[in-house]
Structures are given as structure tokens and as C-alpha cells.
Amino acid sequence: MPETIPLIIERKGSVMTLRLNNVEKKNALNSEIMGAMIASIKESQNYSELRTIVIRGEGSIFCSGADLNAWDPVQLQELLREISDCSLPTIALVHGSCLGGGMGLICACDFILAHEDTKFGFPEVRIGMIPAVIFPYVSRKLNLGKIKEFFLTGEIFDFTIAEKCGLLYGKYDENELDLNALLINLQKGGPRAQKNIKKLFNNNLLSKSREELDLELARIINNIKEGKEAQEGINSFFQKKKPNWNR
């Protein structure tokens, strides 16, 4: 019997898609999957044509969490950091169920699109565990009061609650119209500008003093303003045409 590939990697045009493929275990995150994802995201930096990374799951469930028999907290930390720090916009496409470590996976992404039948949750407390590794990433998507409620109860919640909490960017169905609309919108942005926007969030700038922050932001915007991409964008705006990255 052929060995199952833990992660299916597709590159089509400007989009790299990573598909979790541990279907028998409901796409639980094991060492193989996490290692393959880390390597793939790092490798994405070698392809200048790539603009977006999409993460999704094979089978009926997006991700049931970490494989309790085959996961390493340090490796999960590395994976979440790699997704969060990736210079390309990242999109999670969620369906079926997304639990525990899977919630960390999607919260590390920039955008979350979910099918209306999706169930979400942090069930760790019900087996005497805590969602410590994923906490920093969940806190970027949900307010602390709601996180405490979900973490302490381990309750499973649905699409409606996830949407109300601000976890989701939007929904998607089999036609994937919302995904395509998001990809088109991302394509309209300057690639270098998007990478620098990601840096604004990943460089811990808001922890600096007001004076340091002002100086750093001035340096960043001056550097961007003088670059070829910004000049192309500004000229295209005045000429009422699309910039070269969106043709």
C-alpha cells in the first residue's frame, strides 16, 4: 500500500496551496505534517511569482488538533511562527471541524474563510491540557474575555458565533467565490507594500516608545515612498491604469 503524503503542495499561478492530508486521523497535526508545512512556507520565499498561501484540509474535517501521540510543542510553535511571520498573505479555508491546535493554525493566518457547517473549539481543558502554545495567535483574533470563556469551558461553537466574535473574514462554499474575490483583492495590492505591512505587525513595533515608533515608521514610509513599486503605483493612479503587478 503506497505511503500517504502528509501534505499536498500545489503551486498554481500566484497561489501556493497547502492541503493537510492526514485524513484517517482527521488531519491531526503530527511531526510529519508540521515539518512539511514549515519547509514549504520557507520555500515559498524562493518563488517571486507567489502572492498568497492558502491552507486547507483534505477529507471531511479541516483539523482536529494536534496528534496527542505524535506532536512536539516546540515544533508547533515553530510552525505557527512561520505562518505568522510569512511575508506573503496567508488564508485558512476551514470546513467540518477546527479544534485545538487547528485553531492556532488558522489564527496564525491573516484571513480565515469558513464553511457554514464548521465547528470550532478549544477542547484541551476537557482532557486536562491547556492551549498554551496557540494562545498568542488566538489573542490576535479574539478578545481576551471571549478567549477565557472558550478556554475554560472547552465548548464547541458554530460558524455564527465565530463570525460574531470577529474570528472570521468571511465564508466560503464549494464554488469558492469568496476565496476568489479575496485573492483578486490581494492581487490589487503592491507585493512589496504587502510584505512591509506584514512587517509592521511582526516586528513588535507597538512595544517601542512613542519617539522610537515615530522614527521607525517615518523611516519605513520614506523607504517605501522612494521605491520603484510605490512610484509605479502612484503614476498608475494618476494615469488611471492598473499597476504592473495587477495586469
C-alpha atoms as a PDB file:
ATOM      1  CA  MET A   1       0.000   0.000   0.000  1.00  0.00           C
ATOM      2  CA  PRO A   2       1.525   3.383  -1.019  1.00  0.00           C
ATOM      3  CA  GLU A   3       2.548   5.734   1.776  1.00  0.00           C
ATOM      4  CA  THR A   4       0.206   8.688   2.286  1.00  0.00           C
ATOM      5  CA  ILE A   5       1.727  12.093   1.593  1.00  0.00           C
ATOM      6  CA  PRO A   6       1.135  14.104   4.802  1.00  0.00           C
ATOM      7  CA  LEU A   7       0.929  17.432   2.995  1.00  0.00           C
ATOM      8  CA  ILE A   8      -0.231  18.051  -0.575  1.00  0.00           C
ATOM      9  CA  ILE A   9       1.507  21.102  -2.064  1.00  0.00           C
ATOM     10  CA  GLU A  10       0.141  22.861  -5.144  1.00  0.00           C
ATOM     11  CA  ARG A  11       1.509  25.912  -6.921  1.00  0.00           C
ATOM     12  CA  LYS A  12      -0.846  27.479  -9.439  1.00  0.00           C
ATOM     13  CA  GLY A  13      -0.044  30.926 -10.769  1.00  0.00           C
ATOM     14  CA  SER A  14       0.441  33.272  -7.828  1.00  0.00           C
ATOM     15  CA  VAL A  15      -1.103  30.930  -5.232  1.00  0.00           C
ATOM     16  CA  MET A  16       0.533  28.141  -3.219  1.00  0.00           C
ATOM     17  CA  THR A  17      -1.967  25.774  -1.579  1.00  0.00           C
ATOM     18  CA  LEU A  18      -1.030  23.516   1.325  1.00  0.00           C
ATOM     19  CA  ARG A  19      -3.524  20.691   1.973  1.00  0.00           C
ATOM     20  CA  LEU A  20      -3.377  18.781   5.252  1.00  0.00           C
ATOM     21  CA  ASN A  21      -3.604  15.113   4.287  1.00  0.00           C
ATOM     22  CA  ASN A  22      -3.824  13.044   7.440  1.00  0.00           C
ATOM     23  CA  VAL A  23      -7.432  12.110   6.714  1.00  0.00           C
ATOM     24  CA  GLU A  24      -7.536   8.889   8.767  1.00  0.00           C
ATOM     25  CA  LYS A  25      -6.700  10.919  11.876  1.00  0.00           C
ATOM     26  CA  LYS A  26      -8.925  13.865  10.927  1.00  0.00           C
ATOM     27  CA  ASN A  27      -5.916  15.893   9.797  1.00  0.00           C
ATOM     28  CA  ALA A  28      -4.386  15.884  13.278  1.00  0.00           C
ATOM     29  CA  LEU A  29      -1.098  17.779  13.321  1.00  0.00           C
ATOM     30  CA  ASN A  30       1.796  15.359  13.667  1.00  0.00           C
ATOM     31  CA  SER A  31       5.528  15.854  13.253  1.00  0.00           C
ATOM     32  CA  GLU A  32       5.449  14.927   9.549  1.00  0.00           C
ATOM     33  CA  ILE A  33       2.733  17.420   8.623  1.00  0.00           C
ATOM     34  CA  MET A  34       4.221  20.227  10.678  1.00  0.00           C
ATOM     35  CA  GLY A  35       7.720  19.640   9.313  1.00  0.00           C
ATOM     36  CA  ALA A  36       6.421  19.626   5.737  1.00  0.00           C
ATOM     37  CA  MET A  37       4.441  22.833   6.310  1.00  0.00           C
ATOM     38  CA  ILE A  38       7.414  24.645   7.836  1.00  0.00           C
ATOM     39  CA  ALA A  39       9.653  23.638   4.906  1.00  0.00           C
ATOM     40  CA  SER A  40       7.008  24.602   2.313  1.00  0.00           C
ATOM     41  CA  ILE A  41       6.388  28.053   3.773  1.00  0.00           C
ATOM     42  CA  LYS A  42      10.124  28.716   3.910  1.00  0.00           C
ATOM     43  CA  GLU A  43      10.481  27.523   0.321  1.00  0.00           C
ATOM     44  CA  SER A  44       7.696  29.866  -0.832  1.00  0.00           C
ATOM     45  CA  GLN A  45      10.175  32.733  -0.474  1.00  0.00           C
ATOM     46  CA  ASN A  46      12.116  31.307  -3.440  1.00  0.00           C
ATOM     47  CA  TYR A  47       9.250  31.879  -5.900  1.00  0.00           C
ATOM     48  CA  SER A  48       8.896  35.543  -6.829  1.00  0.00           C
ATOM     49  CA  GLU A  49       5.609  34.917  -8.654  1.00  0.00           C
ATOM     50  CA  LEU A  50       3.827  33.757  -5.487  1.00  0.00           C
ATOM     51  CA  ARG A  51       1.457  36.258  -3.885  1.00  0.00           C
ATOM     52  CA  THR A  52      -0.617  34.176  -1.457  1.00  0.00           C
ATOM     53  CA  ILE A  53      -0.532  30.954   0.569  1.00  0.00           C
ATOM     54  CA  VAL A  54      -3.787  29.044   1.171  1.00  0.00           C
ATOM     55  CA  ILE A  55      -4.011  26.383   3.894  1.00  0.00           C
ATOM     56  CA  ARG A  56      -6.857  23.851   3.767  1.00  0.00           C
ATOM     57  CA  GLY A  57      -7.623  20.236   4.685  1.00  0.00           C
ATOM     58  CA  GLU A  58      -8.454  17.093   2.739  1.00  0.00           C
ATOM     59  CA  GLY A  59     -11.436  14.942   3.745  1.00  0.00           C
ATOM     60  CA  SER A  60     -14.433  15.978   5.841  1.00  0.00           C
ATOM     61  CA  ILE A  61     -12.531  17.873   8.579  1.00  0.00           C
ATOM     62  CA  PHE A  62     -10.055  20.737   8.390  1.00  0.00           C
ATOM     63  CA  CYS A  63      -8.042  19.836  11.501  1.00  0.00           C
ATOM     64  CA  SER A  64      -8.923  18.008  14.735  1.00  0.00           C
ATOM     65  CA  GLY A  65      -5.944  19.482  16.589  1.00  0.00           C
ATOM     66  CA  ALA A  66      -2.526  18.147  17.499  1.00  0.00           C
ATOM     67  CA  ASP A  67      -1.929  14.397  17.318  1.00  0.00           C
ATOM     68  CA  LEU A  68      -1.557  13.591  21.037  1.00  0.00           C
ATOM     69  CA  ASN A  69       0.732  10.660  20.237  1.00  0.00           C
ATOM     70  CA  ALA A  70       2.992  12.393  17.723  1.00  0.00           C
ATOM     71  CA  TRP A  71       3.418  16.105  18.275  1.00  0.00           C
ATOM     72  CA  ASP A  72       6.092  18.342  19.710  1.00  0.00           C
ATOM     73  CA  PRO A  73       5.037  21.681  21.278  1.00  0.00           C
ATOM     74  CA  VAL A  74       8.275  23.329  20.120  1.00  0.00           C
ATOM     75  CA  GLN A  75       7.641  22.229  16.538  1.00  0.00           C
ATOM     76  CA  LEU A  76       4.074  23.601  16.701  1.00  0.00           C
ATOM     77  CA  GLN A  77       5.482  26.893  17.978  1.00  0.00           C
ATOM     78  CA  GLU A  78       7.865  26.977  15.005  1.00  0.00           C
ATOM     79  CA  LEU A  79       5.044  26.262  12.549  1.00  0.00           C
ATOM     80  CA  LEU A  80       2.754  28.972  13.935  1.00  0.00           C
ATOM     81  CA  ARG A  81       5.626  31.467  13.950  1.00  0.00           C
ATOM     82  CA  GLU A  82       6.486  30.552  10.343  1.00  0.00           C
ATOM     83  CA  ILE A  83       2.889  31.127   9.211  1.00  0.00           C
ATOM     84  CA  SER A  84       2.551  34.380  11.142  1.00  0.00           C
ATOM     85  CA  ASP A  85       5.925  35.754  10.001  1.00  0.00           C
ATOM     86  CA  CYS A  86       5.478  34.695   6.363  1.00  0.00           C
ATOM     87  CA  SER A  87       5.952  37.709   4.098  1.00  0.00           C
ATOM     88  CA  LEU A  88       3.040  36.575   1.887  1.00  0.00           C
ATOM     89  CA  PRO A  89      -0.630  36.976   2.857  1.00  0.00           C
ATOM     90  CA  THR A  90      -1.958  33.687   4.267  1.00  0.00           C
ATOM     91  CA  ILE A  91      -5.525  32.375   4.043  1.00  0.00           C
ATOM     92  CA  ALA A  92      -7.062  29.482   6.005  1.00  0.00           C
ATOM     93  CA  LEU A  93     -10.010  27.689   4.363  1.00  0.00           C
ATOM     94  CA  VAL A  94     -11.879  25.854   7.102  1.00  0.00           C
ATOM     95  CA  HIS A  95     -14.594  23.213   6.945  1.00  0.00           C
ATOM     96  CA  GLY A  96     -16.071  20.445   9.071  1.00  0.00           C
ATOM     97  CA  SER A  97     -14.240  20.919  12.377  1.00  0.00           C
ATOM     98  CA  CYS A  98     -11.343  23.039  13.562  1.00  0.00           C
ATOM     99  CA  LEU A  99     -10.195  22.250  17.091  1.00  0.00           C
ATOM    100  CA  GLY A 100      -7.265  22.843  19.439  1.00  0.00           C
ATOM    101  CA  GLY A 101      -4.019  23.124  17.506  1.00  0.00           C
ATOM    102  CA  GLY A 102      -6.053  23.643  14.329  1.00  0.00           C
ATOM    103  CA  MET A 103      -7.382  26.856  15.889  1.00  0.00           C
ATOM    104  CA  GLY A 104      -3.801  28.008  16.373  1.00  0.00           C
ATOM    105  CA  LEU A 105      -3.112  27.187  12.746  1.00  0.00           C
ATOM    106  CA  ILE A 106      -5.939  29.356  11.419  1.00  0.00           C
ATOM    107  CA  CYS A 107      -5.359  32.186  13.902  1.00  0.00           C
ATOM    108  CA  ALA A 108      -1.745  32.443  12.718  1.00  0.00           C
ATOM    109  CA  CYS A 109      -3.124  33.169   9.222  1.00  0.00           C
ATOM    110  CA  ASP A 110      -4.066  36.644   8.013  1.00  0.00           C
ATOM    111  CA  PHE A 111      -7.537  35.646   6.774  1.00  0.00           C
ATOM    112  CA  ILE A 112      -9.950  32.891   7.820  1.00  0.00           C
ATOM    113  CA  LEU A 113     -12.743  31.777   5.490  1.00  0.00           C
ATOM    114  CA  ALA A 114     -15.035  29.054   6.821  1.00  0.00           C
ATOM    115  CA  HIS A 115     -17.853  26.862   5.534  1.00  0.00           C
ATOM    116  CA  GLU A 116     -21.132  27.470   7.352  1.00  0.00           C
ATOM    117  CA  ASP A 117     -21.141  23.917   8.749  1.00  0.00           C
ATOM    118  CA  THR A 118     -17.806  24.361  10.557  1.00  0.00           C
ATOM    119  CA  LYS A 119     -17.496  23.687  14.286  1.00  0.00           C
ATOM    120  CA  PHE A 120     -14.753  25.417  16.270  1.00  0.00           C
ATOM    121  CA  GLY A 121     -13.359  24.916  19.752  1.00  0.00           C
ATOM    122  CA  PHE A 122     -10.548  24.617  22.281  1.00  0.00           C
ATOM    123  CA  PRO A 123     -11.307  21.253  23.948  1.00  0.00           C
ATOM    124  CA  GLU A 124      -7.894  20.886  25.630  1.00  0.00           C
ATOM    125  CA  VAL A 125      -9.231  21.588  29.133  1.00  0.00           C
ATOM    126  CA  ARG A 126     -11.539  18.551  28.899  1.00  0.00           C
ATOM    127  CA  ILE A 127      -8.534  16.232  28.827  1.00  0.00           C
ATOM    128  CA  GLY A 128      -6.603  18.181  31.431  1.00  0.00           C
ATOM    129  CA  MET A 129      -4.482  20.101  28.917  1.00  0.00           C
ATOM    130  CA  ILE A 130      -4.275  23.820  28.140  1.00  0.00           C
ATOM    131  CA  PRO A 131      -3.992  25.638  24.773  1.00  0.00           C
ATOM    132  CA  ALA A 132      -0.786  27.411  25.789  1.00  0.00           C
ATOM    133  CA  VAL A 133       1.195  27.206  22.520  1.00  0.00           C
ATOM    134  CA  ILE A 134      -1.623  28.654  20.419  1.00  0.00           C
ATOM    135  CA  PHE A 135      -2.646  31.375  22.910  1.00  0.00           C
ATOM    136  CA  PRO A 136      -0.531  34.233  21.421  1.00  0.00           C
ATOM    137  CA  TYR A 137      -2.074  33.667  17.980  1.00  0.00           C
ATOM    138  CA  VAL A 138      -5.652  33.243  19.185  1.00  0.00           C
ATOM    139  CA  SER A 139      -5.283  36.523  21.105  1.00  0.00           C
ATOM    140  CA  ARG A 140      -4.725  38.296  17.791  1.00  0.00           C
ATOM    141  CA  LYS A 141      -8.153  37.241  16.541  1.00  0.00           C
ATOM    142  CA  LEU A 142     -10.394  37.175  19.648  1.00  0.00           C
ATOM    143  CA  ASN A 143     -10.716  39.428  22.684  1.00  0.00           C
ATOM    144  CA  LEU A 144      -9.285  38.134  25.952  1.00  0.00           C
ATOM    145  CA  GLY A 145     -12.660  37.803  27.682  1.00  0.00           C
ATOM    146  CA  LYS A 146     -14.016  35.523  24.967  1.00  0.00           C
ATOM    147  CA  ILE A 147     -10.790  33.501  24.850  1.00  0.00           C
ATOM    148  CA  LYS A 148     -11.007  32.874  28.602  1.00  0.00           C
ATOM    149  CA  GLU A 149     -14.602  31.638  28.239  1.00  0.00           C
ATOM    150  CA  PHE A 150     -13.733  29.280  25.378  1.00  0.00           C
ATOM    151  CA  PHE A 151     -10.534  28.011  27.040  1.00  0.00           C
ATOM    152  CA  LEU A 152     -12.157  27.347  30.457  1.00  0.00           C
ATOM    153  CA  THR A 153     -15.258  25.571  29.145  1.00  0.00           C
ATOM    154  CA  GLY A 154     -13.803  23.789  26.129  1.00  0.00           C
ATOM    155  CA  GLU A 155     -17.198  24.317  24.485  1.00  0.00           C
ATOM    156  CA  ILE A 156     -17.669  23.765  20.763  1.00  0.00           C
ATOM    157  CA  PHE A 157     -19.114  26.746  18.882  1.00  0.00           C
ATOM    158  CA  ASP A 158     -20.521  27.210  15.392  1.00  0.00           C
ATOM    159  CA  PHE A 159     -19.988  29.482  12.408  1.00  0.00           C
ATOM    160  CA  THR A 160     -22.466  32.096  13.647  1.00  0.00           C
ATOM    161  CA  ILE A 161     -20.657  32.560  16.964  1.00  0.00           C
ATOM    162  CA  ALA A 162     -17.248  32.522  15.254  1.00  0.00           C
ATOM    163  CA  GLU A 163     -18.423  35.246  12.885  1.00  0.00           C
ATOM    164  CA  LYS A 164     -19.930  37.312  15.707  1.00  0.00           C
ATOM    165  CA  CYS A 165     -16.678  37.096  17.691  1.00  0.00           C
ATOM    166  CA  GLY A 166     -14.716  38.519  14.754  1.00  0.00           C
ATOM    167  CA  LEU A 167     -12.744  35.311  14.186  1.00  0.00           C
ATOM    168  CA  LEU A 168     -13.690  35.067  10.511  1.00  0.00           C
ATOM    169  CA  TYR A 169     -13.023  37.201   7.457  1.00  0.00           C
ATOM    170  CA  GLY A 170     -15.947  35.546   5.699  1.00  0.00           C
ATOM    171  CA  LYS A 171     -17.452  32.290   4.494  1.00  0.00           C
ATOM    172  CA  TYR A 172     -16.894  30.061   1.516  1.00  0.00           C
ATOM    173  CA  ASP A 173     -18.743  27.244  -0.204  1.00  0.00           C
ATOM    174  CA  GLU A 174     -17.973  24.712  -2.914  1.00  0.00           C
ATOM    175  CA  ASN A 175     -17.951  27.442  -5.592  1.00  0.00           C
ATOM    176  CA  GLU A 176     -15.221  29.295  -3.640  1.00  0.00           C
ATOM    177  CA  LEU A 177     -16.448  32.654  -4.908  1.00  0.00           C
ATOM    178  CA  ASP A 178     -15.451  34.407  -1.681  1.00  0.00           C
ATOM    179  CA  LEU A 179     -11.964  32.912  -1.846  1.00  0.00           C
ATOM    180  CA  ASN A 180     -11.557  34.039  -5.447  1.00  0.00           C
ATOM    181  CA  ALA A 181     -12.807  37.536  -4.564  1.00  0.00           C
ATOM    182  CA  LEU A 182     -10.264  37.759  -1.730  1.00  0.00           C
ATOM    183  CA  LEU A 183      -7.435  36.542  -3.979  1.00  0.00           C
ATOM    184  CA  ILE A 184      -8.387  39.198  -6.570  1.00  0.00           C
ATOM    185  CA  ASN A 185      -8.402  41.905  -3.893  1.00  0.00           C
ATOM    186  CA  LEU A 186      -4.988  40.817  -2.626  1.00  0.00           C
ATOM    187  CA  GLN A 187      -3.640  40.843  -6.185  1.00  0.00           C
ATOM    188  CA  LYS A 188      -4.502  44.554  -6.391  1.00  0.00           C
ATOM    189  CA  GLY A 189      -2.039  45.415  -3.627  1.00  0.00           C
ATOM    190  CA  GLY A 190       1.635  46.030  -4.270  1.00  0.00           C
ATOM    191  CA  PRO A 191       3.674  42.907  -3.321  1.00  0.00           C
ATOM    192  CA  ARG A 192       6.419  44.915  -1.604  1.00  0.00           C
ATOM    193  CA  ALA A 193       3.841  47.035   0.205  1.00  0.00           C
ATOM    194  CA  GLN A 194       2.067  43.918   1.477  1.00  0.00           C
ATOM    195  CA  LYS A 195       5.335  42.441   2.720  1.00  0.00           C
ATOM    196  CA  ASN A 196       6.065  45.644   4.612  1.00  0.00           C
ATOM    197  CA  ILE A 197       2.555  45.697   6.087  1.00  0.00           C
ATOM    198  CA  LYS A 198       3.213  42.188   7.423  1.00  0.00           C
ATOM    199  CA  LYS A 199       6.449  43.525   8.960  1.00  0.00           C
ATOM    200  CA  LEU A 200       4.511  46.256  10.782  1.00  0.00           C
ATOM    201  CA  PHE A 201       2.681  43.546  12.685  1.00  0.00           C
ATOM    202  CA  ASN A 202       5.546  41.075  13.078  1.00  0.00           C
ATOM    203  CA  ASN A 203       8.286  43.439  14.281  1.00  0.00           C
ATOM    204  CA  ASN A 204       6.641  44.286  17.626  1.00  0.00           C
ATOM    205  CA  LEU A 205       6.724  47.975  16.744  1.00  0.00           C
ATOM    206  CA  LEU A 206       3.946  48.923  19.166  1.00  0.00           C
ATOM    207  CA  SER A 207       6.134  47.884  22.117  1.00  0.00           C
ATOM    208  CA  LYS A 208       8.555  50.729  21.309  1.00  0.00           C
ATOM    209  CA  SER A 209       8.415  54.150  22.940  1.00  0.00           C
ATOM    210  CA  ARG A 210       6.439  56.841  21.102  1.00  0.00           C
ATOM    211  CA  GLU A 211       9.641  58.543  19.947  1.00  0.00           C
ATOM    212  CA  GLU A 212      11.202  55.274  18.692  1.00  0.00           C
ATOM    213  CA  LEU A 213       7.957  54.290  16.991  1.00  0.00           C
ATOM    214  CA  ASP A 214       7.623  57.628  15.170  1.00  0.00           C
ATOM    215  CA  LEU A 215      11.215  57.459  13.925  1.00  0.00           C
ATOM    216  CA  GLU A 216      10.858  53.857  12.754  1.00  0.00           C
ATOM    217  CA  LEU A 217       7.549  54.475  10.968  1.00  0.00           C
ATOM    218  CA  ALA A 218       8.989  57.569   9.246  1.00  0.00           C
ATOM    219  CA  ARG A 219      11.974  55.514   8.100  1.00  0.00           C
ATOM    220  CA  ILE A 220       9.697  52.761   6.755  1.00  0.00           C
ATOM    221  CA  ILE A 221       7.359  55.074   4.843  1.00  0.00           C
ATOM    222  CA  ASN A 222      10.240  57.081   3.340  1.00  0.00           C
ATOM    223  CA  ASN A 223      11.885  53.871   2.185  1.00  0.00           C
ATOM    224  CA  ILE A 224       8.635  52.687   0.612  1.00  0.00           C
ATOM    225  CA  LYS A 225       7.833  56.054  -0.959  1.00  0.00           C
ATOM    226  CA  GLU A 226      11.167  56.165  -2.773  1.00  0.00           C
ATOM    227  CA  GLY A 227      10.881  52.610  -4.104  1.00  0.00           C
ATOM    228  CA  LYS A 228      10.004  51.601  -7.672  1.00  0.00           C
ATOM    229  CA  GLU A 229       6.784  49.890  -6.647  1.00  0.00           C
ATOM    230  CA  ALA A 230       5.311  52.999  -4.997  1.00  0.00           C
ATOM    231  CA  GLN A 231       6.362  55.158  -7.944  1.00  0.00           C
ATOM    232  CA  GLU A 232       4.662  52.708 -10.322  1.00  0.00           C
ATOM    233  CA  GLY A 233       1.523  52.702  -8.167  1.00  0.00           C
ATOM    234  CA  ILE A 234       1.312  56.489  -7.887  1.00  0.00           C
ATOM    235  CA  ASN A 235       1.935  57.022 -11.628  1.00  0.00           C
ATOM    236  CA  SER A 236      -0.660  54.381 -12.499  1.00  0.00           C
ATOM    237  CA  PHE A 237      -3.170  56.077 -10.209  1.00  0.00           C
ATOM    238  CA  PHE A 238      -2.762  59.423 -11.951  1.00  0.00           C
ATOM    239  CA  GLN A 239      -2.786  57.782 -15.386  1.00  0.00           C
ATOM    240  CA  LYS A 240      -5.914  55.831 -14.422  1.00  0.00           C
ATOM    241  CA  LYS A 241      -4.448  52.465 -15.331  1.00  0.00           C
ATOM    242  CA  LYS A 242      -3.644  49.278 -13.448  1.00  0.00           C
ATOM    243  CA  PRO A 243      -0.136  48.999 -11.970  1.00  0.00           C
ATOM    244  CA  ASN A 244       2.103  46.339 -13.470  1.00  0.00           C
ATOM    245  CA  TRP A 245       1.558  43.848 -10.604  1.00  0.00           C
ATOM    246  CA  ASN A 246      -2.210  43.740 -11.271  1.00  0.00           C
ATOM    247  CA  ARG A 247      -2.417  43.314 -15.041  1.00  0.00           C
END
